[in-house]
Every structure is written in C-alpha cells, then in structure tokens.
Amino acid sequence: MSFVARAGEAIWNFVVGDDWRIALGVAVAIALVAGLVQLGVNAWWLMPVAVLGLLGWSVRRAADPSR
C-alpha cells in the first residue's frame, strides 16, 4: 500500500472514526455556522449546541439494546 493510500486511510479513520453519521453531522454544522457567519449572524453558539445534540444522539443509539 502506498504512502498516499495509507495517509488517506489514516485521515479517514481519524475524522470519521466509528460513526460516519456523527462526522456528517459535524460537517453540516460547520457548513451551517459558516453560512450564517457569511450572512452576518453571530452564530458561535450553534456549534456547541450541535455537538451536544450529536453526542446525545450517539449515546442514545449506542445504549439502545434493540440495535
């Protein structure tokens, strides 16, 4: 395996980890915050709220015994 392929896989594993849904949620939250800031909205508060929401969702999914 080439260095580039190994580096790409390492980056993917670091960013996505075990749950691609959480990585996608964080990416959407970052895009939303960036879009709101471009519109002049003071949106610093949105990222912590999104992270806490995603964390709660992830823990609830992990704790679900029917899964």
PDB file of N, CA and C in Angstrom:
ATOM      1  N   MET A   1       0.842  -1.167   0.000  1.00  0.00           N
ATOM      2  CA  MET A   1       0.000   0.000   0.000  1.00  0.00           C
ATOM      3  C   MET A   1       0.895   1.240   0.000  1.00  0.00           C
ATOM      4  N   SER A   2       0.579   2.197  -0.841  1.00  0.00           N
ATOM      5  CA  SER A   2       1.421   3.384  -0.962  1.00  0.00           C
ATOM      6  C   SER A   2       1.243   4.313   0.234  1.00  0.00           C
ATOM      7  N   PHE A   3       2.176   5.217   0.361  1.00  0.00           N
ATOM      8  CA  PHE A   3       2.131   6.184   1.446  1.00  0.00           C
ATOM      9  C   PHE A   3       0.871   7.035   1.364  1.00  0.00           C
ATOM     10  N   VAL A   4       0.514   7.447   0.160  1.00  0.00           N
ATOM     11  CA  VAL A   4      -0.671   8.298  -0.018  1.00  0.00           C
ATOM     12  C   VAL A   4      -1.936   7.551   0.400  1.00  0.00           C
ATOM     13  N   ALA A   5      -2.046   6.287   0.035  1.00  0.00           N
ATOM     14  CA  ALA A   5      -3.214   5.494   0.400  1.00  0.00           C
ATOM     15  C   ALA A   5      -3.290   5.297   1.908  1.00  0.00           C
ATOM     16  N   ARG A   6      -2.156   5.020   2.532  1.00  0.00           N
ATOM     17  CA  ARG A   6      -2.137   4.847   3.986  1.00  0.00           C
ATOM     18  C   ARG A   6      -2.479   6.151   4.702  1.00  0.00           C
ATOM     19  N   ALA A   7      -1.947   7.265   4.194  1.00  0.00           N
ATOM     20  CA  ALA A   7      -2.244   8.563   4.800  1.00  0.00           C
ATOM     21  C   ALA A   7      -3.734   8.896   4.643  1.00  0.00           C
ATOM     22  N   GLY A   8      -4.282   8.618   3.478  1.00  0.00           N
ATOM     23  CA  GLY A   8      -5.711   8.852   3.267  1.00  0.00           C
ATOM     24  C   GLY A   8      -6.570   8.017   4.183  1.00  0.00           C
ATOM     25  N   GLU A   9      -6.200   6.759   4.360  1.00  0.00           N
ATOM     26  CA  GLU A   9      -6.954   5.879   5.265  1.00  0.00           C
ATOM     27  C   GLU A   9      -6.833   6.353   6.709  1.00  0.00           C
ATOM     28  N   ALA A  10      -5.662   6.809   7.109  1.00  0.00           N
ATOM     29  CA  ALA A  10      -5.475   7.300   8.473  1.00  0.00           C
ATOM     30  C   ALA A  10      -6.314   8.548   8.719  1.00  0.00           C
ATOM     31  N   ILE A  11      -6.338   9.442   7.753  1.00  0.00           N
ATOM     32  CA  ILE A  11      -7.145  10.656   7.894  1.00  0.00           C
ATOM     33  C   ILE A  11      -8.623  10.296   7.954  1.00  0.00           C
ATOM     34  N   TRP A  12      -9.065   9.390   7.092  1.00  0.00           N
ATOM     35  CA  TRP A  12     -10.463   8.953   7.097  1.00  0.00           C
ATOM     36  C   TRP A  12     -10.839   8.351   8.453  1.00  0.00           C
ATOM     37  N   ASN A  13      -9.993   7.477   8.976  1.00  0.00           N
ATOM     38  CA  ASN A  13     -10.269   6.850  10.273  1.00  0.00           C
ATOM     39  C   ASN A  13     -10.273   7.866  11.407  1.00  0.00           C
ATOM     40  N   PHE A  14      -9.423   8.889  11.317  1.00  0.00           N
ATOM     41  CA  PHE A  14      -9.375   9.916  12.350  1.00  0.00           C
ATOM     42  C   PHE A  14     -10.627  10.781  12.312  1.00  0.00           C
ATOM     43  N   VAL A  15     -11.041  11.200  11.131  1.00  0.00           N
ATOM     44  CA  VAL A  15     -12.181  12.107  11.003  1.00  0.00           C
ATOM     45  C   VAL A  15     -13.494  11.367  11.199  1.00  0.00           C
ATOM     46  N   VAL A  16     -13.670  10.256  10.529  1.00  0.00           N
ATOM     47  CA  VAL A  16     -14.941   9.548  10.563  1.00  0.00           C
ATOM     48  C   VAL A  16     -15.018   8.627  11.775  1.00  0.00           C
ATOM     49  N   GLY A  17     -13.972   7.912  12.049  1.00  0.00           N
ATOM     50  CA  GLY A  17     -13.962   7.031  13.215  1.00  0.00           C
ATOM     51  C   GLY A  17     -14.959   5.898  13.074  1.00  0.00           C
ATOM     52  N   ASP A  18     -15.737   5.672  14.119  1.00  0.00           N
ATOM     53  CA  ASP A  18     -16.673   4.559  14.139  1.00  0.00           C
ATOM     54  C   ASP A  18     -18.029   4.898  13.532  1.00  0.00           C
ATOM     55  N   ASP A  19     -18.386   6.175  13.455  1.00  0.00           N
ATOM     56  CA  ASP A  19     -19.734   6.535  13.040  1.00  0.00           C
ATOM     57  C   ASP A  19     -19.692   7.661  12.012  1.00  0.00           C
ATOM     58  N   TRP A  20     -19.992   7.339  10.778  1.00  0.00           N
ATOM     59  CA  TRP A  20     -19.977   8.332   9.710  1.00  0.00           C
ATOM     60  C   TRP A  20     -21.098   9.349   9.881  1.00  0.00           C
ATOM     61  N   ARG A  21     -22.155   8.973  10.602  1.00  0.00           N
ATOM     62  CA  ARG A  21     -23.283   9.899  10.795  1.00  0.00           C
ATOM     63  C   ARG A  21     -22.872  11.100  11.642  1.00  0.00           C
ATOM     64  N   ILE A  22     -22.064  10.852  12.649  1.00  0.00           N
ATOM     65  CA  ILE A  22     -21.602  11.949  13.503  1.00  0.00           C
ATOM     66  C   ILE A  22     -20.658  12.857  12.722  1.00  0.00           C
ATOM     67  N   ALA A  23     -19.765  12.274  11.927  1.00  0.00           N
ATOM     68  CA  ALA A  23     -18.866  13.086  11.107  1.00  0.00           C
ATOM     69  C   ALA A  23     -19.661  13.939  10.127  1.00  0.00           C
ATOM     70  N   LEU A  24     -20.697  13.371   9.530  1.00  0.00           N
ATOM     71  CA  LEU A  24     -21.544  14.122   8.610  1.00  0.00           C
ATOM     72  C   LEU A  24     -22.291  15.228   9.351  1.00  0.00           C
ATOM     73  N   GLY A  25     -22.791  14.944  10.535  1.00  0.00           N
ATOM     74  CA  GLY A  25     -23.481  15.960  11.327  1.00  0.00           C
ATOM     75  C   GLY A  25     -22.579  17.125  11.689  1.00  0.00           C
ATOM     76  N   VAL A  26     -21.347  16.835  12.053  1.00  0.00           N
ATOM     77  CA  VAL A  26     -20.393  17.897  12.386  1.00  0.00           C
ATOM     78  C   VAL A  26     -20.073  18.716  11.135  1.00  0.00           C
ATOM     79  N   ALA A  27     -19.901  18.049   9.998  1.00  0.00           N
ATOM     80  CA  ALA A  27     -19.626  18.774   8.749  1.00  0.00           C
ATOM     81  C   ALA A  27     -20.795  19.682   8.372  1.00  0.00           C
ATOM     82  N   VAL A  28     -22.009  19.193   8.539  1.00  0.00           N
ATOM     83  CA  VAL A  28     -23.189  20.016   8.250  1.00  0.00           C
ATOM     84  C   VAL A  28     -23.261  21.196   9.211  1.00  0.00           C
ATOM     85  N   ALA A  29     -22.975  20.967  10.486  1.00  0.00           N
ATOM     86  CA  ALA A  29     -22.997  22.053  11.469  1.00  0.00           C
ATOM     87  C   ALA A  29     -21.940  23.102  11.144  1.00  0.00           C
ATOM     88  N   ILE A  30     -20.753  22.682  10.744  1.00  0.00           N
ATOM     89  CA  ILE A  30     -19.702  23.636  10.366  1.00  0.00           C
ATOM     90  C   ILE A  30     -20.141  24.450   9.153  1.00  0.00           C
ATOM     91  N   ALA A  31     -20.735  23.788   8.161  1.00  0.00           N
ATOM     92  CA  ALA A  31     -21.205  24.499   6.972  1.00  0.00           C
ATOM     93  C   ALA A  31     -22.316  25.482   7.325  1.00  0.00           C
ATOM     94  N   LEU A  32     -23.207  25.079   8.213  1.00  0.00           N
ATOM     95  CA  LEU A  32     -24.296  25.953   8.628  1.00  0.00           C
ATOM     96  C   LEU A  32     -23.770  27.176   9.373  1.00  0.00           C
ATOM     97  N   VAL A  33     -22.843  26.972  10.279  1.00  0.00           N
ATOM     98  CA  VAL A  33     -22.234  28.090  11.008  1.00  0.00           C
ATOM     99  C   VAL A  33     -21.516  29.018  10.037  1.00  0.00           C
ATOM    100  N   ALA A  34     -20.765  28.458   9.099  1.00  0.00           N
ATOM    101  CA  ALA A  34     -20.055  29.287   8.128  1.00  0.00           C
ATOM    102  C   ALA A  34     -21.034  30.086   7.277  1.00  0.00           C
ATOM    103  N   GLY A  35     -22.113  29.457   6.856  1.00  0.00           N
ATOM    104  CA  GLY A  35     -23.113  30.164   6.063  1.00  0.00           C
ATOM    105  C   GLY A  35     -23.774  31.292   6.838  1.00  0.00           C
ATOM    106  N   LEU A  36     -24.100  31.038   8.104  1.00  0.00           N
ATOM    107  CA  LEU A  36     -24.712  32.078   8.920  1.00  0.00           C
ATOM    108  C   LEU A  36     -23.756  33.235   9.182  1.00  0.00           C
ATOM    109  N   VAL A  37     -22.491  32.930   9.393  1.00  0.00           N
ATOM    110  CA  VAL A  37     -21.495  33.981   9.611  1.00  0.00           C
ATOM    111  C   VAL A  37     -21.349  34.835   8.353  1.00  0.00           C
ATOM    112  N   GLN A  38     -21.398  34.208   7.183  1.00  0.00           N
ATOM    113  CA  GLN A  38     -21.324  34.970   5.934  1.00  0.00           C
ATOM    114  C   GLN A  38     -22.519  35.919   5.788  1.00  0.00           C
ATOM    115  N   LEU A  39     -23.646  35.538   6.372  1.00  0.00           N
ATOM    116  CA  LEU A  39     -24.831  36.395   6.325  1.00  0.00           C
ATOM    117  C   LEU A  39     -24.812  37.477   7.407  1.00  0.00           C
ATOM    118  N   GLY A  40     -23.791  37.457   8.254  1.00  0.00           N
ATOM    119  CA  GLY A  40     -23.661  38.461   9.296  1.00  0.00           C
ATOM    120  C   GLY A  40     -24.277  38.067  10.622  1.00  0.00           C
ATOM    121  N   VAL A  41     -24.674  36.813  10.766  1.00  0.00           N
ATOM    122  CA  VAL A  41     -25.271  36.339  12.010  1.00  0.00           C
ATOM    123  C   VAL A  41     -24.163  35.902  12.968  1.00  0.00           C
ATOM    124  N   ASN A  42     -24.287  36.297  14.217  1.00  0.00           N
ATOM    125  CA  ASN A  42     -23.334  35.869  15.233  1.00  0.00           C
ATOM    126  C   ASN A  42     -23.725  34.449  15.655  1.00  0.00           C
ATOM    127  N   ALA A  43     -23.129  33.438  15.036  1.00  0.00           N
ATOM    128  CA  ALA A  43     -23.573  32.047  15.192  1.00  0.00           C
ATOM    129  C   ALA A  43     -22.578  31.177  15.946  1.00  0.00           C
ATOM    130  N   TRP A  44     -21.787  31.761  16.830  1.00  0.00           N
ATOM    131  CA  TRP A  44     -20.795  30.966  17.563  1.00  0.00           C
ATOM    132  C   TRP A  44     -21.455  29.902  18.425  1.00  0.00           C
ATOM    133  N   TRP A  45     -22.662  30.165  18.884  1.00  0.00           N
ATOM    134  CA  TRP A  45     -23.375  29.294  19.811  1.00  0.00           C
ATOM    135  C   TRP A  45     -23.889  28.018  19.148  1.00  0.00           C
ATOM    136  N   LEU A  46     -23.982  28.011  17.828  1.00  0.00           N
ATOM    137  CA  LEU A  46     -24.582  26.875  17.136  1.00  0.00           C
ATOM    138  C   LEU A  46     -23.705  25.619  17.196  1.00  0.00           C
ATOM    139  N   MET A  47     -22.402  25.776  17.127  1.00  0.00           N
ATOM    140  CA  MET A  47     -21.520  24.607  17.114  1.00  0.00           C
ATOM    141  C   MET A  47     -21.570  23.830  18.426  1.00  0.00           C
ATOM    142  N   PRO A  48     -21.477  24.476  19.604  1.00  0.00           N
ATOM    143  CA  PRO A  48     -21.602  23.691  20.843  1.00  0.00           C
ATOM    144  C   PRO A  48     -22.956  23.002  20.974  1.00  0.00           C
ATOM    145  N   VAL A  49     -24.018  23.669  20.534  1.00  0.00           N
ATOM    146  CA  VAL A  49     -25.348  23.063  20.595  1.00  0.00           C
ATOM    147  C   VAL A  49     -25.408  21.840  19.680  1.00  0.00           C
ATOM    148  N   ALA A  50     -24.843  21.965  18.486  1.00  0.00           N
ATOM    149  CA  ALA A  50     -24.844  20.843  17.544  1.00  0.00           C
ATOM    150  C   ALA A  50     -24.030  19.673  18.081  1.00  0.00           C
ATOM    151  N   VAL A  51     -22.878  19.958  18.658  1.00  0.00           N
ATOM    152  CA  VAL A  51     -22.033  18.886  19.192  1.00  0.00           C
ATOM    153  C   VAL A  51     -22.725  18.179  20.350  1.00  0.00           C
ATOM    154  N   LEU A  52     -23.356  18.932  21.242  1.00  0.00           N
ATOM    155  CA  LEU A  52     -24.073  18.301  22.346  1.00  0.00           C
ATOM    156  C   LEU A  52     -25.246  17.468  21.836  1.00  0.00           C
ATOM    157  N   GLY A  53     -25.952  17.973  20.841  1.00  0.00           N
ATOM    158  CA  GLY A  53     -27.047  17.205  20.261  1.00  0.00           C
ATOM    159  C   GLY A  53     -26.569  15.929  19.595  1.00  0.00           C
ATOM    160  N   LEU A  54     -25.476  16.022  18.832  1.00  0.00           N
ATOM    161  CA  LEU A  54     -24.927  14.837  18.180  1.00  0.00           C
ATOM    162  C   LEU A  54     -24.401  13.831  19.203  1.00  0.00           C
ATOM    163  N   LEU A  55     -23.808  14.328  20.272  1.00  0.00           N
ATOM    164  CA  LEU A  55     -23.320  13.434  21.327  1.00  0.00           C
ATOM    165  C   LEU A  55     -24.477  12.689  21.980  1.00  0.00           C
ATOM    166  N   GLY A  56     -25.538  13.413  22.307  1.00  0.00           N
ATOM    167  CA  GLY A  56     -26.708  12.769  22.897  1.00  0.00           C
ATOM    168  C   GLY A  56     -27.318  11.734  21.974  1.00  0.00           C
ATOM    169  N   TRP A  57     -27.413  12.069  20.698  1.00  0.00           N
ATOM    170  CA  TRP A  57     -27.955  11.134  19.710  1.00  0.00           C
ATOM    171  C   TRP A  57     -27.084   9.882  19.611  1.00  0.00           C
ATOM    172  N   SER A  58     -25.771  10.076  19.616  1.00  0.00           N
ATOM    173  CA  SER A  58     -24.851   8.954  19.510  1.00  0.00           C
ATOM    174  C   SER A  58     -24.941   8.041  20.735  1.00  0.00           C
ATOM    175  N   VAL A  59     -24.988   8.638  21.910  1.00  0.00           N
ATOM    176  CA  VAL A  59     -25.075   7.835  23.138  1.00  0.00           C
ATOM    177  C   VAL A  59     -26.403   7.086  23.186  1.00  0.00           C
ATOM    178  N   ARG A  60     -27.489   7.745  22.795  1.00  0.00           N
ATOM    179  CA  ARG A  60     -28.795   7.084  22.792  1.00  0.00           C
ATOM    180  C   ARG A  60     -28.800   5.907  21.827  1.00  0.00           C
ATOM    181  N   ARG A  61     -28.189   6.078  20.639  1.00  0.00           N
ATOM    182  CA  ARG A  61     -28.117   4.984  19.679  1.00  0.00           C
ATOM    183  C   ARG A  61     -27.261   3.836  20.206  1.00  0.00           C
ATOM    184  N   ALA A  62     -26.151   4.172  20.886  1.00  0.00           N
ATOM    185  CA  ALA A  62     -25.258   3.135  21.403  1.00  0.00           C
ATOM    186  C   ALA A  62     -25.894   2.370  22.563  1.00  0.00           C
ATOM    187  N   ALA A  63     -26.736   3.048  23.333  1.00  0.00           N
ATOM    188  CA  ALA A  63     -27.340   2.424  24.504  1.00  0.00           C
ATOM    189  C   ALA A  63     -28.601   1.626  24.163  1.00  0.00           C
ATOM    190  N   ASP A  64     -29.090   1.741  22.951  1.00  0.00           N
ATOM    191  CA  ASP A  64     -30.319   1.055  22.552  1.00  0.00           C
ATOM    192  C   ASP A  64     -30.047  -0.448  22.430  1.00  0.00           C
ATOM    193  N   PRO A  65     -30.659  -1.267  23.277  1.00  0.00           N
ATOM    194  CA  PRO A  65     -30.390  -2.706  23.250  1.00  0.00           C
ATOM    195  C   PRO A  65     -30.967  -3.409  22.020  1.00  0.00           C
ATOM    196  N   SER A  66     -31.954  -2.806  21.365  1.00  0.00           N
ATOM    197  CA  SER A  66     -32.556  -3.463  20.195  1.00  0.00           C
ATOM    198  C   SER A  66     -31.717  -3.278  18.939  1.00  0.00           C
ATOM    199  N   ARG A  67     -30.650  -2.534  19.033  1.00  0.00           N
ATOM    200  CA  ARG A  67     -29.803  -2.244  17.882  1.00  0.00           C
ATOM    201  C   ARG A  67     -28.829  -3.317  17.588  1.00  0.00           C
TER     202      ARG A  67
END
